[in-house]
Amino acid sequence: DENHNEAELKRILECLLFVSGEPLTPDKLAKLSGCEK
């Protein structure tokens, strides 16, 4: 959902990074979280 507030989006990015076993690019993180880079 692109309409997440900043705090929620930050938590989403944190979760994605936590579970990933490899570095995630800003492009990939933006795509996975549904927000703009």
Full PDB file with SEQRES, HELIX, SHEET, SSBOND, CRYST1, ORIGX, SCALE, CONECT and MASTER records, all heavy atoms in Angstrom:
SEQRES   1 A   37  ASP GLU ASN HIS ASN GLU ALA GLU LEU LYS ARG ILE LEU          
SEQRES   2 A   37  GLU CYS LEU LEU PHE VAL SER GLY GLU PRO LEU THR PRO          
SEQRES   3 A   37  ASP LYS LEU ALA LYS LEU SER GLY CYS GLU LYS                  
HELIX    1 AA1 GLU A    6  VAL A   19  1                                  14    
HELIX    2 AA2 PRO A   26  SER A   33  1                                   8    
CRYST1    1.000    1.000    1.000  90.00  90.00  90.00 P 1           1          
ORIGX1      1.000000  0.000000  0.000000        0.00000                         
ORIGX2      0.000000  1.000000  0.000000        0.00000                         
ORIGX3      0.000000  0.000000  1.000000        0.00000                         
SCALE1      1.000000  0.000000  0.000000        0.00000                         
SCALE2      0.000000  1.000000  0.000000        0.00000                         
SCALE3      0.000000  0.000000  1.000000        0.00000                         
ATOM      1  N   ASP A   1       0.847  -1.186   0.000  1.00  0.00           N  
ATOM      2  CA  ASP A   1       0.000   0.000   0.000  1.00  0.00           C  
ATOM      3  C   ASP A   1       0.885   1.239   0.000  1.00  0.00           C  
ATOM      4  O   ASP A   1       1.659   1.454   0.929  1.00  0.00           O  
ATOM      5  CB  ASP A   1      -0.891  -0.037   1.245  1.00  0.00           C  
ATOM      6  CG  ASP A   1      -1.807   1.162   1.366  1.00  0.00           C  
ATOM      7  OD1 ASP A   1      -1.823   2.010   0.456  1.00  0.00           O  
ATOM      8  OD2 ASP A   1      -2.525   1.247   2.381  1.00  0.00           O  
ATOM      9  N   GLU A   2       0.735   2.067  -1.032  1.00  0.00           N  
ATOM     10  CA  GLU A   2       1.567   3.270  -1.162  1.00  0.00           C  
ATOM     11  C   GLU A   2       1.154   4.355  -0.167  1.00  0.00           C  
ATOM     12  O   GLU A   2       1.826   5.360  -0.042  1.00  0.00           O  
ATOM     13  CB  GLU A   2       1.475   3.822  -2.586  1.00  0.00           C  
ATOM     14  CG  GLU A   2       2.119   2.911  -3.606  1.00  0.00           C  
ATOM     15  CD  GLU A   2       2.158   3.519  -4.991  1.00  0.00           C  
ATOM     16  OE1 GLU A   2       2.171   4.757  -5.100  1.00  0.00           O  
ATOM     17  OE2 GLU A   2       2.181   2.755  -5.953  1.00  0.00           O  
ATOM     18  N   ASN A   3       0.057   4.167   0.531  1.00  0.00           N  
ATOM     19  CA  ASN A   3      -0.453   5.221   1.407  1.00  0.00           C  
ATOM     20  C   ASN A   3      -0.012   5.088   2.858  1.00  0.00           C  
ATOM     21  O   ASN A   3      -0.575   5.709   3.726  1.00  0.00           O  
ATOM     22  CB  ASN A   3      -1.996   5.248   1.326  1.00  0.00           C  
ATOM     23  CG  ASN A   3      -2.463   5.589  -0.072  1.00  0.00           C  
ATOM     24  OD1 ASN A   3      -1.890   6.458  -0.721  1.00  0.00           O  
ATOM     25  ND2 ASN A   3      -3.476   4.890  -0.544  1.00  0.00           N  
ATOM     26  N   HIS A   4       0.987   4.265   3.128  1.00  0.00           N  
ATOM     27  CA  HIS A   4       1.480   4.133   4.498  1.00  0.00           C  
ATOM     28  C   HIS A   4       2.092   5.450   4.960  1.00  0.00           C  
ATOM     29  O   HIS A   4       2.725   6.161   4.186  1.00  0.00           O  
ATOM     30  CB  HIS A   4       2.567   3.056   4.588  1.00  0.00           C  
ATOM     31  CG  HIS A   4       2.044   1.674   4.392  1.00  0.00           C  
ATOM     32  ND1 HIS A   4       1.137   1.078   5.239  1.00  0.00           N  
ATOM     33  CD2 HIS A   4       2.306   0.763   3.437  1.00  0.00           C  
ATOM     34  CE1 HIS A   4       0.860  -0.123   4.814  1.00  0.00           C  
ATOM     35  NE2 HIS A   4       1.559  -0.356   3.719  1.00  0.00           N  
ATOM     36  N   ASN A   5       1.923   5.739   6.258  1.00  0.00           N  
ATOM     37  CA  ASN A   5       2.605   6.914   6.781  1.00  0.00           C  
ATOM     38  C   ASN A   5       4.097   6.586   6.912  1.00  0.00           C  
ATOM     39  O   ASN A   5       4.498   5.427   6.786  1.00  0.00           O  
ATOM     40  CB  ASN A   5       1.978   7.382   8.103  1.00  0.00           C  
ATOM     41  CG  ASN A   5       2.146   6.386   9.236  1.00  0.00           C  
ATOM     42  OD1 ASN A   5       3.203   5.762   9.379  1.00  0.00           O  
ATOM     43  ND2 ASN A   5       1.116   6.242  10.048  1.00  0.00           N  
ATOM     44  N   GLU A   6       4.911   7.585   7.173  1.00  0.00           N  
ATOM     45  CA  GLU A   6       6.368   7.412   7.195  1.00  0.00           C  
ATOM     46  C   GLU A   6       6.814   6.407   8.252  1.00  0.00           C  
ATOM     47  O   GLU A   6       7.679   5.580   8.005  1.00  0.00           O  
ATOM     48  CB  GLU A   6       7.075   8.760   7.419  1.00  0.00           C  
ATOM     49  CG  GLU A   6       6.787   9.796   6.347  1.00  0.00           C  
ATOM     50  CD  GLU A   6       7.166   9.371   4.942  1.00  0.00           C  
ATOM     51  OE1 GLU A   6       8.353   9.137   4.677  1.00  0.00           O  
ATOM     52  OE2 GLU A   6       6.252   9.248   4.100  1.00  0.00           O  
ATOM     53  N   ALA A   7       6.210   6.460   9.430  1.00  0.00           N  
ATOM     54  CA  ALA A   7       6.600   5.544  10.511  1.00  0.00           C  
ATOM     55  C   ALA A   7       6.293   4.101  10.126  1.00  0.00           C  
ATOM     56  O   ALA A   7       7.103   3.199  10.363  1.00  0.00           O  
ATOM     57  CB  ALA A   7       5.890   5.924  11.813  1.00  0.00           C  
ATOM     58  N   GLU A   8       5.139   3.864   9.535  1.00  0.00           N  
ATOM     59  CA  GLU A   8       4.759   2.506   9.125  1.00  0.00           C  
ATOM     60  C   GLU A   8       5.667   2.023   7.981  1.00  0.00           C  
ATOM     61  O   GLU A   8       6.119   0.870   7.992  1.00  0.00           O  
ATOM     62  CB  GLU A   8       3.282   2.475   8.691  1.00  0.00           C  
ATOM     63  CG  GLU A   8       2.793   1.110   8.278  1.00  0.00           C  
ATOM     64  CD  GLU A   8       2.694   0.114   9.423  1.00  0.00           C  
ATOM     65  OE1 GLU A   8       2.839   0.504  10.607  1.00  0.00           O  
ATOM     66  OE2 GLU A   8       2.481  -1.067   9.137  1.00  0.00           O  
ATOM     67  N   LEU A   9       5.941   2.878   7.039  1.00  0.00           N  
ATOM     68  CA  LEU A   9       6.816   2.514   5.923  1.00  0.00           C  
ATOM     69  C   LEU A   9       8.226   2.187   6.429  1.00  0.00           C  
ATOM     70  O   LEU A   9       8.852   1.226   5.974  1.00  0.00           O  
ATOM     71  CB  LEU A   9       6.862   3.636   4.884  1.00  0.00           C  
ATOM     72  CG  LEU A   9       7.729   3.377   3.662  1.00  0.00           C  
ATOM     73  CD1 LEU A   9       7.322   2.086   2.945  1.00  0.00           C  
ATOM     74  CD2 LEU A   9       7.657   4.563   2.708  1.00  0.00           C  
ATOM     75  N   LYS A  10       8.693   2.940   7.391  1.00  0.00           N  
ATOM     76  CA  LYS A  10      10.016   2.685   7.979  1.00  0.00           C  
ATOM     77  C   LYS A  10      10.038   1.305   8.634  1.00  0.00           C  
ATOM     78  O   LYS A  10      11.008   0.553   8.484  1.00  0.00           O  
ATOM     79  CB  LYS A  10      10.333   3.783   9.000  1.00  0.00           C  
ATOM     80  CG  LYS A  10      11.718   3.756   9.555  1.00  0.00           C  
ATOM     81  CD  LYS A  10      11.913   5.014  10.413  1.00  0.00           C  
ATOM     82  CE  LYS A  10      13.138   4.979  11.241  1.00  0.00           C  
ATOM     83  NZ  LYS A  10      13.282   6.164  12.100  1.00  0.00           N  
ATOM     84  N   ARG A  11       8.968   0.927   9.326  1.00  0.00           N  
ATOM     85  CA  ARG A  11       8.884  -0.399   9.944  1.00  0.00           C  
ATOM     86  C   ARG A  11       8.828  -1.502   8.882  1.00  0.00           C  
ATOM     87  O   ARG A  11       9.408  -2.577   9.057  1.00  0.00           O  
ATOM     88  CB  ARG A  11       7.681  -0.470  10.890  1.00  0.00           C  
ATOM     89  CG  ARG A  11       7.886   0.337  12.176  1.00  0.00           C  
ATOM     90  CD  ARG A  11       6.784   0.086  13.186  1.00  0.00           C  
ATOM     91  NE  ARG A  11       5.499   0.646  12.782  1.00  0.00           N  
ATOM     92  CZ  ARG A  11       5.077   1.885  13.089  1.00  0.00           C  
ATOM     93  NH1 ARG A  11       5.842   2.682  13.822  1.00  0.00           N  
ATOM     94  NH2 ARG A  11       3.914   2.299  12.683  1.00  0.00           N  
ATOM     95  N   ILE A  12       8.148  -1.240   7.783  1.00  0.00           N  
ATOM     96  CA  ILE A  12       8.080  -2.215   6.684  1.00  0.00           C  
ATOM     97  C   ILE A  12       9.479  -2.432   6.100  1.00  0.00           C  
ATOM     98  O   ILE A  12       9.903  -3.579   5.894  1.00  0.00           O  
ATOM     99  CB  ILE A  12       7.089  -1.749   5.586  1.00  0.00           C  
ATOM    100  CG1 ILE A  12       5.660  -1.801   6.126  1.00  0.00           C  
ATOM    101  CG2 ILE A  12       7.242  -2.578   4.309  1.00  0.00           C  
ATOM    102  CD1 ILE A  12       4.642  -1.085   5.250  1.00  0.00           C  
ATOM    103  N   LEU A  13      10.204  -1.348   5.852  1.00  0.00           N  
ATOM    104  CA  LEU A  13      11.572  -1.458   5.320  1.00  0.00           C  
ATOM    105  C   LEU A  13      12.457  -2.226   6.292  1.00  0.00           C  
ATOM    106  O   LEU A  13      13.251  -3.086   5.893  1.00  0.00           O  
ATOM    107  CB  LEU A  13      12.148  -0.064   5.041  1.00  0.00           C  
ATOM    108  CG  LEU A  13      11.460   0.747   3.942  1.00  0.00           C  
ATOM    109  CD1 LEU A  13      12.009   2.171   3.908  1.00  0.00           C  
ATOM    110  CD2 LEU A  13      11.599   0.070   2.588  1.00  0.00           C  
ATOM    111  N   GLU A  14      12.310  -1.932   7.580  1.00  0.00           N  
ATOM    112  CA  GLU A  14      13.083  -2.613   8.615  1.00  0.00           C  
ATOM    113  C   GLU A  14      12.813  -4.124   8.576  1.00  0.00           C  
ATOM    114  O   GLU A  14      13.738  -4.935   8.635  1.00  0.00           O  
ATOM    115  CB  GLU A  14      12.728  -2.031   9.979  1.00  0.00           C  
ATOM    116  CG  GLU A  14      13.491  -2.603  11.139  1.00  0.00           C  
ATOM    117  CD  GLU A  14      13.096  -1.928  12.451  1.00  0.00           C  
ATOM    118  OE1 GLU A  14      11.899  -1.580  12.630  1.00  0.00           O  
ATOM    119  OE2 GLU A  14      13.980  -1.748  13.302  1.00  0.00           O  
ATOM    120  N   CYS A  15      11.567  -4.512   8.456  1.00  0.00           N  
ATOM    121  CA  CYS A  15      11.209  -5.932   8.396  1.00  0.00           C  
ATOM    122  C   CYS A  15      11.796  -6.608   7.162  1.00  0.00           C  
ATOM    123  O   CYS A  15      12.316  -7.722   7.242  1.00  0.00           O  
ATOM    124  CB  CYS A  15       9.692  -6.099   8.391  1.00  0.00           C  
ATOM    125  SG  CYS A  15       8.917  -5.792   9.979  1.00  0.00           S  
ATOM    126  N   LEU A  16      11.688  -5.949   6.017  1.00  0.00           N  
ATOM    127  CA  LEU A  16      12.227  -6.520   4.784  1.00  0.00           C  
ATOM    128  C   LEU A  16      13.733  -6.738   4.906  1.00  0.00           C  
ATOM    129  O   LEU A  16      14.253  -7.794   4.519  1.00  0.00           O  
ATOM    130  CB  LEU A  16      11.918  -5.611   3.590  1.00  0.00           C  
ATOM    131  CG  LEU A  16      10.452  -5.541   3.164  1.00  0.00           C  
ATOM    132  CD1 LEU A  16      10.231  -4.403   2.170  1.00  0.00           C  
ATOM    133  CD2 LEU A  16       9.994  -6.876   2.590  1.00  0.00           C  
ATOM    134  N   LEU A  17      14.425  -5.765   5.463  1.00  0.00           N  
ATOM    135  CA  LEU A  17      15.874  -5.885   5.648  1.00  0.00           C  
ATOM    136  C   LEU A  17      16.216  -6.973   6.656  1.00  0.00           C  
ATOM    137  O   LEU A  17      17.199  -7.698   6.489  1.00  0.00           O  
ATOM    138  CB  LEU A  17      16.472  -4.543   6.079  1.00  0.00           C  
ATOM    139  CG  LEU A  17      16.479  -3.478   4.996  1.00  0.00           C  
ATOM    140  CD1 LEU A  17      16.681  -2.098   5.596  1.00  0.00           C  
ATOM    141  CD2 LEU A  17      17.545  -3.792   3.962  1.00  0.00           C  
ATOM    142  N   PHE A  18      15.418  -7.101   7.679  1.00  0.00           N  
ATOM    143  CA  PHE A  18      15.669  -8.087   8.727  1.00  0.00           C  
ATOM    144  C   PHE A  18      15.587  -9.515   8.185  1.00  0.00           C  
ATOM    145  O   PHE A  18      16.407 -10.358   8.522  1.00  0.00           O  
ATOM    146  CB  PHE A  18      14.686  -7.886   9.882  1.00  0.00           C  
ATOM    147  CG  PHE A  18      14.860  -8.880  10.991  1.00  0.00           C  
ATOM    148  CD1 PHE A  18      15.909  -8.756  11.880  1.00  0.00           C  
ATOM    149  CD2 PHE A  18      13.979  -9.941  11.137  1.00  0.00           C  
ATOM    150  CE1 PHE A  18      16.087  -9.682  12.910  1.00  0.00           C  
ATOM    151  CE2 PHE A  18      14.147 -10.871  12.151  1.00  0.00           C  
ATOM    152  CZ  PHE A  18      15.202 -10.744  13.036  1.00  0.00           C  
ATOM    153  N   VAL A  19      14.611  -9.789   7.348  1.00  0.00           N  
ATOM    154  CA  VAL A  19      14.422 -11.160   6.872  1.00  0.00           C  
ATOM    155  C   VAL A  19      15.269 -11.499   5.649  1.00  0.00           C  
ATOM    156  O   VAL A  19      15.439 -12.662   5.323  1.00  0.00           O  
ATOM    157  CB  VAL A  19      12.933 -11.486   6.574  1.00  0.00           C  
ATOM    158  CG1 VAL A  19      12.101 -11.351   7.825  1.00  0.00           C  
ATOM    159  CG2 VAL A  19      12.399 -10.635   5.450  1.00  0.00           C  
ATOM    160  N   SER A  20      15.813 -10.506   5.003  1.00  0.00           N  
ATOM    161  CA  SER A  20      16.606 -10.764   3.801  1.00  0.00           C  
ATOM    162  C   SER A  20      17.997 -11.275   4.155  1.00  0.00           C  
ATOM    163  O   SER A  20      18.654 -10.747   5.038  1.00  0.00           O  
ATOM    164  CB  SER A  20      16.745  -9.483   2.968  1.00  0.00           C  
ATOM    165  OG  SER A  20      17.549  -9.738   1.838  1.00  0.00           O  
ATOM    166  N   GLY A  21      18.425 -12.295   3.454  1.00  0.00           N  
ATOM    167  CA  GLY A  21      19.766 -12.828   3.657  1.00  0.00           C  
ATOM    168  C   GLY A  21      20.798 -12.160   2.772  1.00  0.00           C  
ATOM    169  O   GLY A  21      21.965 -12.537   2.778  1.00  0.00           O  
ATOM    170  N   GLU A  22      20.391 -11.179   2.008  1.00  0.00           N  
ATOM    171  CA  GLU A  22      21.310 -10.487   1.107  1.00  0.00           C  
ATOM    172  C   GLU A  22      20.996  -8.996   1.099  1.00  0.00           C  
ATOM    173  O   GLU A  22      19.898  -8.597   1.503  1.00  0.00           O  
ATOM    174  CB  GLU A  22      21.183 -11.052  -0.308  1.00  0.00           C  
ATOM    175  CG  GLU A  22      19.797 -10.906  -0.893  1.00  0.00           C  
ATOM    176  CD  GLU A  22      19.642 -11.615  -2.220  1.00  0.00           C  
ATOM    177  OE1 GLU A  22      20.220 -12.696  -2.403  1.00  0.00           O  
ATOM    178  OE2 GLU A  22      18.934 -11.076  -3.085  1.00  0.00           O  
ATOM    179  N   PRO A  23      21.948  -8.184   0.646  1.00  0.00           N  
ATOM    180  CA  PRO A  23      21.674  -6.738   0.586  1.00  0.00           C  
ATOM    181  C   PRO A  23      20.512  -6.449  -0.364  1.00  0.00           C  
ATOM    182  O   PRO A  23      20.378  -7.100  -1.401  1.00  0.00           O  
ATOM    183  CB  PRO A  23      22.976  -6.144   0.041  1.00  0.00           C  
ATOM    184  CG  PRO A  23      24.016  -7.174   0.293  1.00  0.00           C  
ATOM    185  CD  PRO A  23      23.317  -8.493   0.229  1.00  0.00           C  
ATOM    186  N   LEU A  24      19.668  -5.497  -0.001  1.00  0.00           N  
ATOM    187  CA  LEU A  24      18.549  -5.090  -0.844  1.00  0.00           C  
ATOM    188  C   LEU A  24      18.788  -3.666  -1.327  1.00  0.00           C  
ATOM    189  O   LEU A  24      19.081  -2.786  -0.520  1.00  0.00           O  
ATOM    190  CB  LEU A  24      17.232  -5.160  -0.062  1.00  0.00           C  
ATOM    191  CG  LEU A  24      16.796  -6.546   0.407  1.00  0.00           C  
ATOM    192  CD1 LEU A  24      15.554  -6.440   1.288  1.00  0.00           C  
ATOM    193  CD2 LEU A  24      16.541  -7.462  -0.777  1.00  0.00           C  
ATOM    194  N   THR A  25      18.650  -3.452  -2.624  1.00  0.00           N  
ATOM    195  CA  THR A  25      18.846  -2.122  -3.192  1.00  0.00           C  
ATOM    196  C   THR A  25      17.651  -1.238  -2.845  1.00  0.00           C  
ATOM    197  O   THR A  25      16.543  -1.755  -2.594  1.00  0.00           O  
ATOM    198  CB  THR A  25      18.988  -2.183  -4.725  1.00  0.00           C  
ATOM    199  OG1 THR A  25      17.746  -2.660  -5.278  1.00  0.00           O  
ATOM    200  CG2 THR A  25      20.154  -3.078  -5.148  1.00  0.00           C  
ATOM    201  N   PRO A  26      17.850   0.083  -2.862  1.00  0.00           N  
ATOM    202  CA  PRO A  26      16.707   0.975  -2.623  1.00  0.00           C  
ATOM    203  C   PRO A  26      15.574   0.734  -3.623  1.00  0.00           C  
ATOM    204  O   PRO A  26      14.408   0.794  -3.252  1.00  0.00           O  
ATOM    205  CB  PRO A  26      17.319   2.375  -2.776  1.00  0.00           C  
ATOM    206  CG  PRO A  26      18.749   2.192  -2.382  1.00  0.00           C  
ATOM    207  CD  PRO A  26      19.119   0.826  -2.919  1.00  0.00           C  
ATOM    208  N   ASP A  27      15.916   0.432  -4.885  1.00  0.00           N  
ATOM    209  CA  ASP A  27      14.885   0.142  -5.888  1.00  0.00           C  
ATOM    210  C   ASP A  27      14.043  -1.058  -5.487  1.00  0.00           C  
ATOM    211  O   ASP A  27      12.816  -1.030  -5.557  1.00  0.00           O  
ATOM    212  CB  ASP A  27      15.519  -0.118  -7.258  1.00  0.00           C  
ATOM    213  CG  ASP A  27      16.042   1.136  -7.918  1.00  0.00           C  
ATOM    214  OD1 ASP A  27      15.515   2.229  -7.626  1.00  0.00           O  
ATOM    215  OD2 ASP A  27      16.984   1.031  -8.730  1.00  0.00           O  
ATOM    216  N   LYS A  28      14.710  -2.139  -5.071  1.00  0.00           N  
ATOM    217  CA  LYS A  28      13.991  -3.358  -4.691  1.00  0.00           C  
ATOM    218  C   LYS A  28      13.156  -3.126  -3.439  1.00  0.00           C  
ATOM    219  O   LYS A  28      12.015  -3.587  -3.347  1.00  0.00           O  
ATOM    220  CB  LYS A  28      14.960  -4.514  -4.486  1.00  0.00           C  
ATOM    221  CG  LYS A  28      14.254  -5.833  -4.262  1.00  0.00           C  
ATOM    222  CD  LYS A  28      15.169  -7.007  -4.441  1.00  0.00           C  
ATOM    223  CE  LYS A  28      14.350  -8.290  -4.393  1.00  0.00           C  
ATOM    224  NZ  LYS A  28      15.132  -9.462  -4.738  1.00  0.00           N  
ATOM    225  N   LEU A  29      13.717  -2.412  -2.466  1.00  0.00           N  
ATOM    226  CA  LEU A  29      12.961  -2.116  -1.245  1.00  0.00           C  
ATOM    227  C   LEU A  29      11.725  -1.274  -1.558  1.00  0.00           C  
ATOM    228  O   LEU A  29      10.651  -1.517  -1.004  1.00  0.00           O  
ATOM    229  CB  LEU A  29      13.855  -1.397  -0.234  1.00  0.00           C  
ATOM    230  CG  LEU A  29      14.847  -2.292   0.501  1.00  0.00           C  
ATOM    231  CD1 LEU A  29      15.944  -1.460   1.155  1.00  0.00           C  
ATOM    232  CD2 LEU A  29      14.123  -3.136   1.540  1.00  0.00           C  
ATOM    233  N   ALA A  30      11.872  -0.313  -2.450  1.00  0.00           N  
ATOM    234  CA  ALA A  30      10.734   0.526  -2.832  1.00  0.00           C  
ATOM    235  C   ALA A  30       9.656  -0.322  -3.511  1.00  0.00           C  
ATOM    236  O   ALA A  30       8.469  -0.205  -3.193  1.00  0.00           O  
ATOM    237  CB  ALA A  30      11.203   1.650  -3.756  1.00  0.00           C  
ATOM    238  N   LYS A  31      10.083  -1.194  -4.405  1.00  0.00           N  
ATOM    239  CA  LYS A  31       9.128  -2.053  -5.108  1.00  0.00           C  
ATOM    240  C   LYS A  31       8.403  -2.981  -4.136  1.00  0.00           C  
ATOM    241  O   LYS A  31       7.179  -3.122  -4.181  1.00  0.00           O  
ATOM    242  CB  LYS A  31       9.854  -2.872  -6.173  1.00  0.00           C  
ATOM    243  CG  LYS A  31       8.947  -3.735  -6.997  1.00  0.00           C  
ATOM    244  CD  LYS A  31       9.724  -4.484  -8.064  1.00  0.00           C  
ATOM    245  CE  LYS A  31       8.786  -5.402  -8.860  1.00  0.00           C  
ATOM    246  NZ  LYS A  31       9.508  -6.186  -9.842  1.00  0.00           N  
ATOM    247  N   LEU A  32       9.155  -3.616  -3.229  1.00  0.00           N  
ATOM    248  CA  LEU A  32       8.558  -4.548  -2.268  1.00  0.00           C  
ATOM    249  C   LEU A  32       7.598  -3.859  -1.303  1.00  0.00           C  
ATOM    250  O   LEU A  32       6.596  -4.434  -0.889  1.00  0.00           O  
ATOM    251  CB  LEU A  32       9.652  -5.272  -1.480  1.00  0.00           C  
ATOM    252  CG  LEU A  32      10.491  -6.280  -2.254  1.00  0.00           C  
ATOM    253  CD1 LEU A  32      11.703  -6.710  -1.430  1.00  0.00           C  
ATOM    254  CD2 LEU A  32       9.650  -7.487  -2.653  1.00  0.00           C  
ATOM    255  N   SER A  33       7.932  -2.633  -0.925  1.00  0.00           N  
ATOM    256  CA  SER A  33       7.105  -1.909   0.046  1.00  0.00           C  
ATOM    257  C   SER A  33       5.978  -1.122  -0.616  1.00  0.00           C  
ATOM    258  O   SER A  33       5.101  -0.612   0.075  1.00  0.00           O  
ATOM    259  CB  SER A  33       7.971  -0.977   0.892  1.00  0.00           C  
ATOM    260  OG  SER A  33       8.535   0.034   0.074  1.00  0.00           O  
ATOM    261  N   GLY A  34       6.032  -1.004  -1.936  1.00  0.00           N  
ATOM    262  CA  GLY A  34       4.984  -0.290  -2.649  1.00  0.00           C  
ATOM    263  C   GLY A  34       5.103   1.211  -2.597  1.00  0.00           C  
ATOM    264  O   GLY A  34       4.113   1.922  -2.789  1.00  0.00           O  
ATOM    265  N   CYS A  35       6.307   1.708  -2.333  1.00  0.00           N  
ATOM    266  CA  CYS A  35       6.491   3.162  -2.301  1.00  0.00           C  
ATOM    267  C   CYS A  35       7.508   3.567  -3.365  1.00  0.00           C  
ATOM    268  O   CYS A  35       8.120   2.732  -4.013  1.00  0.00           O  
ATOM    269  CB  CYS A  35       6.944   3.618  -0.923  1.00  0.00           C  
ATOM    270  SG  CYS A  35       8.678   3.255  -0.565  1.00  0.00           S  
ATOM    271  N   GLU A  36       7.687   4.850  -3.532  1.00  0.00           N  
ATOM    272  CA  GLU A  36       8.679   5.349  -4.479  1.00  0.00           C  
ATOM    273  C   GLU A  36      10.060   5.328  -3.833  1.00  0.00           C  
ATOM    274  O   GLU A  36      10.198   5.512  -2.626  1.00  0.00           O  
ATOM    275  CB  GLU A  36       8.332   6.772  -4.902  1.00  0.00           C  
ATOM    276  CG  GLU A  36       7.043   6.844  -5.711  1.00  0.00           C  
ATOM    277  CD  GLU A  36       6.733   8.260  -6.147  1.00  0.00           C  
ATOM    278  OE1 GLU A  36       7.622   9.141  -6.054  1.00  0.00           O  
ATOM    279  OE2 GLU A  36       5.589   8.484  -6.572  1.00  0.00           O  
ATOM    280  N   LYS A  37      11.087   5.136  -4.662  1.00  0.00           N  
ATOM    281  CA  LYS A  37      12.474   5.091  -4.187  1.00  0.00           C  
ATOM    282  C   LYS A  37      12.821   6.382  -3.435  1.00  0.00           C  
ATOM    283  O   LYS A  37      13.474   6.343  -2.390  1.00  0.00           O  
ATOM    284  CB  LYS A  37      13.411   4.889  -5.376  1.00  0.00           C  
ATOM    285  CG  LYS A  37      14.870   4.841  -5.020  1.00  0.00           C  
ATOM    286  CD  LYS A  37      15.703   4.644  -6.273  1.00  0.00           C  
ATOM    287  CE  LYS A  37      17.167   4.817  -6.003  1.00  0.00           C  
ATOM    288  NZ  LYS A  37      17.984   4.715  -7.208  1.00  0.00           N  
TER     289      LYS A  37                                                      
MASTER        0    0    0    2    0    0    0    6  288    1    0    3          
END                                                                             
